[in-house]
Amino acid sequence: MNKSFIEYQGRNYPIRTVDLGSVSSYYKEVDVADYDLFNAIENEYEKGVREAVEIDNSIFFYCDSGFIASDPTDEEIVDYLVKCGI
C-alpha cells in the first residue's frame, strides 16, 4: 500500500502500511518497519521518552533489517507476517 518514512534523530526509516484483511479478521491496515527502527529508538523507549514510545506504538511489527527497505510487494510483506505467526 503506502510507503512512508519515520524520521528519528536525523535519519529516515522506511515504513509500509499494509492491509491484513485477507489473512486476519482482527487486523486491517497496519504499519510495519525494519528492525533498524527499533534499534534506533530502543534506549529512549526503555527510558519512556515520549517520541520513542509513540513511534513504537505506531508500528505493528518489526521485520528483519533491510526487508522493508528492499521495497517488497504488499503480498511479500503479508506472506512474511504470516510466516512470523501473525
PDB file of N, CA and C in Angstrom:
ATOM      1  N   MET A   1       0.837  -1.177   0.000  1.00  0.00           N
ATOM      2  CA  MET A   1       0.000   0.000   0.000  1.00  0.00           C
ATOM      3  C   MET A   1       0.882   1.240   0.000  1.00  0.00           C
ATOM      4  N   ASN A   2       1.001   1.856   1.146  1.00  0.00           N
ATOM      5  CA  ASN A   2       1.736   3.118   1.226  1.00  0.00           C
ATOM      6  C   ASN A   2       3.112   2.926   1.844  1.00  0.00           C
ATOM      7  N   LYS A   3       4.086   3.580   1.232  1.00  0.00           N
ATOM      8  CA  LYS A   3       5.419   3.621   1.811  1.00  0.00           C
ATOM      9  C   LYS A   3       5.644   5.040   2.312  1.00  0.00           C
ATOM     10  N   SER A   4       6.143   5.138   3.518  1.00  0.00           N
ATOM     11  CA  SER A   4       6.476   6.439   4.068  1.00  0.00           C
ATOM     12  C   SER A   4       7.710   6.274   4.939  1.00  0.00           C
ATOM     13  N   PHE A   5       8.059   7.323   5.631  1.00  0.00           N
ATOM     14  CA  PHE A   5       9.263   7.292   6.453  1.00  0.00           C
ATOM     15  C   PHE A   5       8.977   7.908   7.818  1.00  0.00           C
ATOM     16  N   ILE A   6       9.649   7.379   8.813  1.00  0.00           N
ATOM     17  CA  ILE A   6       9.672   7.996  10.130  1.00  0.00           C
ATOM     18  C   ILE A   6      11.074   8.540  10.309  1.00  0.00           C
ATOM     19  N   GLU A   7      11.152   9.824  10.627  1.00  0.00           N
ATOM     20  CA  GLU A   7      12.454  10.425  10.887  1.00  0.00           C
ATOM     21  C   GLU A   7      12.714  10.360  12.388  1.00  0.00           C
ATOM     22  N   TYR A   8      13.866   9.856  12.732  1.00  0.00           N
ATOM     23  CA  TYR A   8      14.254   9.789  14.132  1.00  0.00           C
ATOM     24  C   TYR A   8      15.731  10.120  14.238  1.00  0.00           C
ATOM     25  N   GLN A   9      16.038  11.114  15.006  1.00  0.00           N
ATOM     26  CA  GLN A   9      17.391  11.595  15.230  1.00  0.00           C
ATOM     27  C   GLN A   9      18.136  11.821  13.912  1.00  0.00           C
ATOM     28  N   GLY A  10      17.438  12.468  12.985  1.00  0.00           N
ATOM     29  CA  GLY A  10      18.040  12.869  11.723  1.00  0.00           C
ATOM     30  C   GLY A  10      18.140  11.790  10.665  1.00  0.00           C
ATOM     31  N   ARG A  11      17.606  10.622  10.923  1.00  0.00           N
ATOM     32  CA  ARG A  11      17.670   9.538   9.943  1.00  0.00           C
ATOM     33  C   ARG A  11      16.254   9.083   9.595  1.00  0.00           C
ATOM     34  N   ASN A  12      16.025   8.784   8.324  1.00  0.00           N
ATOM     35  CA  ASN A  12      14.729   8.299   7.862  1.00  0.00           C
ATOM     36  C   ASN A  12      14.697   6.785   7.841  1.00  0.00           C
ATOM     37  N   TYR A  13      13.617   6.244   8.400  1.00  0.00           N
ATOM     38  CA  TYR A  13      13.403   4.798   8.442  1.00  0.00           C
ATOM     39  C   TYR A  13      12.127   4.490   7.663  1.00  0.00           C
ATOM     40  N   PRO A  14      12.216   3.593   6.666  1.00  0.00           N
ATOM     41  CA  PRO A  14      11.020   3.296   5.866  1.00  0.00           C
ATOM     42  C   PRO A  14      10.000   2.487   6.656  1.00  0.00           C
ATOM     43  N   ILE A  15       8.748   2.809   6.427  1.00  0.00           N
ATOM     44  CA  ILE A  15       7.652   2.005   6.959  1.00  0.00           C
ATOM     45  C   ILE A  15       6.669   1.753   5.829  1.00  0.00           C
ATOM     46  N   ARG A  16       5.929   0.680   5.957  1.00  0.00           N
ATOM     47  CA  ARG A  16       4.904   0.368   4.974  1.00  0.00           C
ATOM     48  C   ARG A  16       3.595   0.117   5.689  1.00  0.00           C
ATOM     49  N   THR A  17       2.533   0.600   5.094  1.00  0.00           N
ATOM     50  CA  THR A  17       1.190   0.317   5.565  1.00  0.00           C
ATOM     51  C   THR A  17       0.632  -0.770   4.671  1.00  0.00           C
ATOM     52  N   VAL A  18       0.219  -1.872   5.278  1.00  0.00           N
ATOM     53  CA  VAL A  18      -0.337  -2.980   4.510  1.00  0.00           C
ATOM     54  C   VAL A  18      -1.683  -3.388   5.096  1.00  0.00           C
ATOM     55  N   ASP A  19      -2.511  -3.954   4.243  1.00  0.00           N
ATOM     56  CA  ASP A  19      -3.834  -4.423   4.634  1.00  0.00           C
ATOM     57  C   ASP A  19      -3.759  -5.916   4.915  1.00  0.00           C
ATOM     58  N   LEU A  20      -4.036  -6.293   6.155  1.00  0.00           N
ATOM     59  CA  LEU A  20      -4.006  -7.704   6.540  1.00  0.00           C
ATOM     60  C   LEU A  20      -5.389  -8.341   6.507  1.00  0.00           C
ATOM     61  N   GLY A  21      -6.362  -7.647   5.944  1.00  0.00           N
ATOM     62  CA  GLY A  21      -7.729  -8.156   5.901  1.00  0.00           C
ATOM     63  C   GLY A  21      -7.872  -9.501   5.217  1.00  0.00           C
ATOM     64  N   SER A  22      -6.966  -9.827   4.305  1.00  0.00           N
ATOM     65  CA  SER A  22      -7.049 -11.108   3.596  1.00  0.00           C
ATOM     66  C   SER A  22      -6.612 -12.290   4.458  1.00  0.00           C
ATOM     67  N   VAL A  23      -5.881 -12.024   5.534  1.00  0.00           N
ATOM     68  CA  VAL A  23      -5.378 -13.112   6.385  1.00  0.00           C
ATOM     69  C   VAL A  23      -5.822 -12.982   7.839  1.00  0.00           C
ATOM     70  N   SER A  24      -6.516 -11.912   8.161  1.00  0.00           N
ATOM     71  CA  SER A  24      -6.911 -11.691   9.547  1.00  0.00           C
ATOM     72  C   SER A  24      -8.250 -10.969   9.610  1.00  0.00           C
ATOM     73  N   SER A  25      -9.115 -11.431  10.460  1.00  0.00           N
ATOM     74  CA  SER A  25     -10.374 -10.712  10.664  1.00  0.00           C
ATOM     75  C   SER A  25     -10.211  -9.647  11.753  1.00  0.00           C
ATOM     76  N   TYR A  26      -9.124  -9.707  12.477  1.00  0.00           N
ATOM     77  CA  TYR A  26      -8.885  -8.775  13.569  1.00  0.00           C
ATOM     78  C   TYR A  26      -8.073  -7.563  13.122  1.00  0.00           C
ATOM     79  N   TYR A  27      -7.010  -7.795  12.363  1.00  0.00           N
ATOM     80  CA  TYR A  27      -6.135  -6.707  11.927  1.00  0.00           C
ATOM     81  C   TYR A  27      -6.507  -6.274  10.517  1.00  0.00           C
ATOM     82  N   LYS A  28      -6.483  -4.994  10.297  1.00  0.00           N
ATOM     83  CA  LYS A  28      -6.727  -4.446   8.959  1.00  0.00           C
ATOM     84  C   LYS A  28      -5.443  -3.760   8.492  1.00  0.00           C
ATOM     85  N   GLU A  29      -5.478  -2.453   8.361  1.00  0.00           N
ATOM     86  CA  GLU A  29      -4.279  -1.732   7.929  1.00  0.00           C
ATOM     87  C   GLU A  29      -3.329  -1.545   9.093  1.00  0.00           C
ATOM     88  N   VAL A  30      -2.086  -1.967   8.880  1.00  0.00           N
ATOM     89  CA  VAL A  30      -1.068  -1.881   9.920  1.00  0.00           C
ATOM     90  C   VAL A  30       0.219  -1.322   9.322  1.00  0.00           C
ATOM     91  N   ASP A  31       1.044  -0.740  10.173  1.00  0.00           N
ATOM     92  CA  ASP A  31       2.352  -0.233   9.758  1.00  0.00           C
ATOM     93  C   ASP A  31       3.436  -1.200  10.197  1.00  0.00           C
ATOM     94  N   VAL A  32       4.332  -1.504   9.278  1.00  0.00           N
ATOM     95  CA  VAL A  32       5.466  -2.366   9.576  1.00  0.00           C
ATOM     96  C   VAL A  32       6.749  -1.628   9.207  1.00  0.00           C
ATOM     97  N   ALA A  33       7.823  -1.972   9.910  1.00  0.00           N
ATOM     98  CA  ALA A  33       9.114  -1.316   9.694  1.00  0.00           C
ATOM     99  C   ALA A  33      10.221  -2.345   9.842  1.00  0.00           C
ATOM    100  N   ASP A  34      11.405  -1.969   9.426  1.00  0.00           N
ATOM    101  CA  ASP A  34      12.567  -2.812   9.657  1.00  0.00           C
ATOM    102  C   ASP A  34      12.994  -2.696  11.124  1.00  0.00           C
ATOM    103  N   TYR A  35      13.635  -3.738  11.617  1.00  0.00           N
ATOM    104  CA  TYR A  35      14.101  -3.772  12.990  1.00  0.00           C
ATOM    105  C   TYR A  35      15.101  -2.651  13.278  1.00  0.00           C
ATOM    106  N   ASP A  36      15.683  -2.101  12.214  1.00  0.00           N
ATOM    107  CA  ASP A  36      16.621  -0.987  12.368  1.00  0.00           C
ATOM    108  C   ASP A  36      15.968   0.181  13.106  1.00  0.00           C
ATOM    109  N   LEU A  37      14.682   0.400  12.853  1.00  0.00           N
ATOM    110  CA  LEU A  37      13.984   1.482  13.544  1.00  0.00           C
ATOM    111  C   LEU A  37      13.917   1.204  15.037  1.00  0.00           C
ATOM    112  N   PHE A  38      13.581  -0.025  15.413  1.00  0.00           N
ATOM    113  CA  PHE A  38      13.523  -0.329  16.841  1.00  0.00           C
ATOM    114  C   PHE A  38      14.895  -0.183  17.480  1.00  0.00           C
ATOM    115  N   ASN A  39      15.929  -0.629  16.780  1.00  0.00           N
ATOM    116  CA  ASN A  39      17.290  -0.457  17.316  1.00  0.00           C
ATOM    117  C   ASN A  39      17.586   1.009  17.594  1.00  0.00           C
ATOM    118  N   ALA A  40      17.095   1.888  16.731  1.00  0.00           N
ATOM    119  CA  ALA A  40      17.358   3.319  16.888  1.00  0.00           C
ATOM    120  C   ALA A  40      16.610   3.913  18.074  1.00  0.00           C
ATOM    121  N   ILE A  41      15.406   3.437  18.342  1.00  0.00           N
ATOM    122  CA  ILE A  41      14.596   4.032  19.412  1.00  0.00           C
ATOM    123  C   ILE A  41      14.701   3.284  20.734  1.00  0.00           C
ATOM    124  N   GLU A  42      15.305   2.108  20.743  1.00  0.00           N
ATOM    125  CA  GLU A  42      15.264   1.216  21.902  1.00  0.00           C
ATOM    126  C   GLU A  42      15.679   1.875  23.220  1.00  0.00           C
ATOM    127  N   ASN A  43      16.823   2.527  23.243  1.00  0.00           N
ATOM    128  CA  ASN A  43      17.299   3.132  24.502  1.00  0.00           C
ATOM    129  C   ASN A  43      16.333   4.191  25.018  1.00  0.00           C
ATOM    130  N   GLU A  44      15.873   5.041  24.135  1.00  0.00           N
ATOM    131  CA  GLU A  44      14.940   6.089  24.535  1.00  0.00           C
ATOM    132  C   GLU A  44      13.581   5.493  24.905  1.00  0.00           C
ATOM    133  N   TYR A  45      13.169   4.456  24.189  1.00  0.00           N
ATOM    134  CA  TYR A  45      11.917   3.776  24.501  1.00  0.00           C
ATOM    135  C   TYR A  45      11.949   3.208  25.925  1.00  0.00           C
ATOM    136  N   GLU A  46      13.047   2.557  26.261  1.00  0.00           N
ATOM    137  CA  GLU A  46      13.178   1.961  27.598  1.00  0.00           C
ATOM    138  C   GLU A  46      13.180   3.019  28.702  1.00  0.00           C
ATOM    139  N   LYS A  47      13.613   4.237  28.368  1.00  0.00           N
ATOM    140  CA  LYS A  47      13.597   5.335  29.329  1.00  0.00           C
ATOM    141  C   LYS A  47      12.232   6.019  29.391  1.00  0.00           C
ATOM    142  N   GLY A  48      11.329   5.608  28.504  1.00  0.00           N
ATOM    143  CA  GLY A  48       9.991   6.198  28.484  1.00  0.00           C
ATOM    144  C   GLY A  48       9.896   7.518  27.756  1.00  0.00           C
ATOM    145  N   VAL A  49      10.866   7.819  26.904  1.00  0.00           N
ATOM    146  CA  VAL A  49      10.836   9.068  26.139  1.00  0.00           C
ATOM    147  C   VAL A  49       9.635   9.035  25.194  1.00  0.00           C
ATOM    148  N   ARG A  50       8.811  10.049  25.313  1.00  0.00           N
ATOM    149  CA  ARG A  50       7.526  10.066  24.617  1.00  0.00           C
ATOM    150  C   ARG A  50       7.628   9.796  23.116  1.00  0.00           C
ATOM    151  N   GLU A  51       8.534  10.468  22.431  1.00  0.00           N
ATOM    152  CA  GLU A  51       8.651  10.303  20.979  1.00  0.00           C
ATOM    153  C   GLU A  51       8.933   8.848  20.622  1.00  0.00           C
ATOM    154  N   ALA A  52       9.857   8.221  21.324  1.00  0.00           N
ATOM    155  CA  ALA A  52      10.213   6.825  21.036  1.00  0.00           C
ATOM    156  C   ALA A  52       9.045   5.889  21.343  1.00  0.00           C
ATOM    157  N   VAL A  53       8.350   6.142  22.431  1.00  0.00           N
ATOM    158  CA  VAL A  53       7.189   5.314  22.795  1.00  0.00           C
ATOM    159  C   VAL A  53       6.089   5.462  21.744  1.00  0.00           C
ATOM    160  N   GLU A  54       5.833   6.670  21.304  1.00  0.00           N
ATOM    161  CA  GLU A  54       4.806   6.898  20.282  1.00  0.00           C
ATOM    162  C   GLU A  54       5.168   6.223  18.968  1.00  0.00           C
ATOM    163  N   ILE A  55       6.428   6.274  18.596  1.00  0.00           N
ATOM    164  CA  ILE A  55       6.859   5.586  17.373  1.00  0.00           C
ATOM    165  C   ILE A  55       6.621   4.092  17.524  1.00  0.00           C
ATOM    166  N   ASP A  56       7.076   3.522  18.625  1.00  0.00           N
ATOM    167  CA  ASP A  56       6.903   2.082  18.832  1.00  0.00           C
ATOM    168  C   ASP A  56       5.428   1.696  18.838  1.00  0.00           C
ATOM    169  N   ASN A  57       4.597   2.499  19.454  1.00  0.00           N
ATOM    170  CA  ASN A  57       3.165   2.204  19.497  1.00  0.00           C
ATOM    171  C   ASN A  57       2.512   2.251  18.125  1.00  0.00           C
ATOM    172  N   SER A  58       3.112   2.962  17.193  1.00  0.00           N
ATOM    173  CA  SER A  58       2.538   3.082  15.854  1.00  0.00           C
ATOM    174  C   SER A  58       2.941   1.928  14.931  1.00  0.00           C
ATOM    175  N   ILE A  59       3.930   1.137  15.340  1.00  0.00           N
ATOM    176  CA  ILE A  59       4.425   0.049  14.495  1.00  0.00           C
ATOM    177  C   ILE A  59       3.826  -1.274  14.956  1.00  0.00           C
ATOM    178  N   PHE A  60       3.204  -1.964  14.026  1.00  0.00           N
ATOM    179  CA  PHE A  60       2.586  -3.251  14.314  1.00  0.00           C
ATOM    180  C   PHE A  60       3.628  -4.357  14.442  1.00  0.00           C
ATOM    181  N   PHE A  61       4.654  -4.320  13.569  1.00  0.00           N
ATOM    182  CA  PHE A  61       5.642  -5.396  13.537  1.00  0.00           C
ATOM    183  C   PHE A  61       6.948  -4.863  12.979  1.00  0.00           C
ATOM    184  N   TYR A  62       8.049  -5.339  13.550  1.00  0.00           N
ATOM    185  CA  TYR A  62       9.385  -5.017  13.044  1.00  0.00           C
ATOM    186  C   TYR A  62       9.911  -6.225  12.282  1.00  0.00           C
ATOM    187  N   CYS A  63      10.222  -6.024  11.010  1.00  0.00           N
ATOM    188  CA  CYS A  63      10.743  -7.081  10.145  1.00  0.00           C
ATOM    189  C   CYS A  63      12.265  -7.132  10.230  1.00  0.00           C
ATOM    190  N   ASP A  64      12.834  -8.190   9.677  1.00  0.00           N
ATOM    191  CA  ASP A  64      14.290  -8.304   9.614  1.00  0.00           C
ATOM    192  C   ASP A  64      14.884  -7.056   8.968  1.00  0.00           C
ATOM    193  N   SER A  65      16.054  -6.677   9.428  1.00  0.00           N
ATOM    194  CA  SER A  65      16.726  -5.499   8.900  1.00  0.00           C
ATOM    195  C   SER A  65      16.834  -5.553   7.387  1.00  0.00           C
ATOM    196  N   GLY A  66      16.435  -4.467   6.749  1.00  0.00           N
ATOM    197  CA  GLY A  66      16.544  -4.352   5.302  1.00  0.00           C
ATOM    198  C   GLY A  66      15.357  -4.864   4.517  1.00  0.00           C
ATOM    199  N   PHE A  67      14.448  -5.589   5.146  1.00  0.00           N
ATOM    200  CA  PHE A  67      13.319  -6.165   4.395  1.00  0.00           C
ATOM    201  C   PHE A  67      12.414  -5.073   3.836  1.00  0.00           C
ATOM    202  N   ILE A  68      11.942  -4.178   4.666  1.00  0.00           N
ATOM    203  CA  ILE A  68      11.062  -3.108   4.185  1.00  0.00           C
ATOM    204  C   ILE A  68      11.827  -2.163   3.266  1.00  0.00           C
ATOM    205  N   ALA A  69      13.069  -1.899   3.579  1.00  0.00           N
ATOM    206  CA  ALA A  69      13.893  -1.018   2.739  1.00  0.00           C
ATOM    207  C   ALA A  69      14.092  -1.581   1.342  1.00  0.00           C
ATOM    208  N   SER A  70      13.959  -2.898   1.183  1.00  0.00           N
ATOM    209  CA  SER A  70      14.158  -3.529  -0.128  1.00  0.00           C
ATOM    210  C   SER A  70      12.933  -3.398  -1.030  1.00  0.00           C
ATOM    211  N   ASP A  71      11.918  -2.688  -0.576  1.00  0.00           N
ATOM    212  CA  ASP A  71      10.691  -2.443  -1.346  1.00  0.00           C
ATOM    213  C   ASP A  71       9.955  -3.716  -1.769  1.00  0.00           C
ATOM    214  N   PRO A  72       9.629  -4.592  -0.828  1.00  0.00           N
ATOM    215  CA  PRO A  72       8.854  -5.778  -1.169  1.00  0.00           C
ATOM    216  C   PRO A  72       7.426  -5.381  -1.565  1.00  0.00           C
ATOM    217  N   THR A  73       6.761  -6.271  -2.268  1.00  0.00           N
ATOM    218  CA  THR A  73       5.362  -6.030  -2.608  1.00  0.00           C
ATOM    219  C   THR A  73       4.510  -6.210  -1.348  1.00  0.00           C
ATOM    220  N   ASP A  74       3.291  -5.740  -1.403  1.00  0.00           N
ATOM    221  CA  ASP A  74       2.379  -5.935  -0.272  1.00  0.00           C
ATOM    222  C   ASP A  74       2.196  -7.422   0.011  1.00  0.00           C
ATOM    223  N   GLU A  75       2.089  -8.215  -1.042  1.00  0.00           N
ATOM    224  CA  GLU A  75       1.906  -9.653  -0.882  1.00  0.00           C
ATOM    225  C   GLU A  75       3.103 -10.289  -0.185  1.00  0.00           C
ATOM    226  N   GLU A  76       4.301  -9.854  -0.532  1.00  0.00           N
ATOM    227  CA  GLU A  76       5.501 -10.376   0.127  1.00  0.00           C
ATOM    228  C   GLU A  76       5.519 -10.009   1.610  1.00  0.00           C
ATOM    229  N   ILE A  77       5.066  -8.802   1.922  1.00  0.00           N
ATOM    230  CA  ILE A  77       5.016  -8.393   3.328  1.00  0.00           C
ATOM    231  C   ILE A  77       3.991  -9.226   4.088  1.00  0.00           C
ATOM    232  N   VAL A  78       2.817  -9.404   3.503  1.00  0.00           N
ATOM    233  CA  VAL A  78       1.782 -10.213   4.157  1.00  0.00           C
ATOM    234  C   VAL A  78       2.282 -11.638   4.351  1.00  0.00           C
ATOM    235  N   ASP A  79       2.898 -12.226   3.330  1.00  0.00           N
ATOM    236  CA  ASP A  79       3.461 -13.586   3.459  1.00  0.00           C
ATOM    237  C   ASP A  79       4.496 -13.642   4.578  1.00  0.00           C
ATOM    238  N   TYR A  80       5.344 -12.640   4.670  1.00  0.00           N
ATOM    239  CA  TYR A  80       6.372 -12.558   5.711  1.00  0.00           C
ATOM    240  C   TYR A  80       5.703 -12.553   7.085  1.00  0.00           C
ATOM    241  N   LEU A  81       4.685 -11.731   7.247  1.00  0.00           N
ATOM    242  CA  LEU A  81       3.994 -11.636   8.532  1.00  0.00           C
ATOM    243  C   LEU A  81       3.303 -12.946   8.890  1.00  0.00           C
ATOM    244  N   VAL A  82       2.712 -13.590   7.901  1.00  0.00           N
ATOM    245  CA  VAL A  82       2.065 -14.883   8.154  1.00  0.00           C
ATOM    246  C   VAL A  82       3.092 -15.908   8.600  1.00  0.00           C
ATOM    247  N   LYS A  83       4.241 -15.943   7.944  1.00  0.00           N
ATOM    248  CA  LYS A  83       5.301 -16.887   8.325  1.00  0.00           C
ATOM    249  C   LYS A  83       5.810 -16.601   9.747  1.00  0.00           C
ATOM    250  N   CYS A  84       5.684 -15.350  10.187  1.00  0.00           N
ATOM    251  CA  CYS A  84       6.104 -14.984  11.543  1.00  0.00           C
ATOM    252  C   CYS A  84       5.000 -15.215  12.569  1.00  0.00           C
ATOM    253  N   GLY A  85       3.880 -15.742  12.128  1.00  0.00           N
ATOM    254  CA  GLY A  85       2.807 -16.096  13.048  1.00  0.00           C
ATOM    255  C   GLY A  85       1.741 -15.051  13.262  1.00  0.00           C
ATOM    256  N   ILE A  86       1.702 -14.055  12.430  1.00  0.00           N
ATOM    257  CA  ILE A  86       0.681 -13.008  12.561  1.00  0.00           C
ATOM    258  C   ILE A  86      -0.628 -13.524  11.991  1.00  0.00           C
TER     259      ILE A  86
END
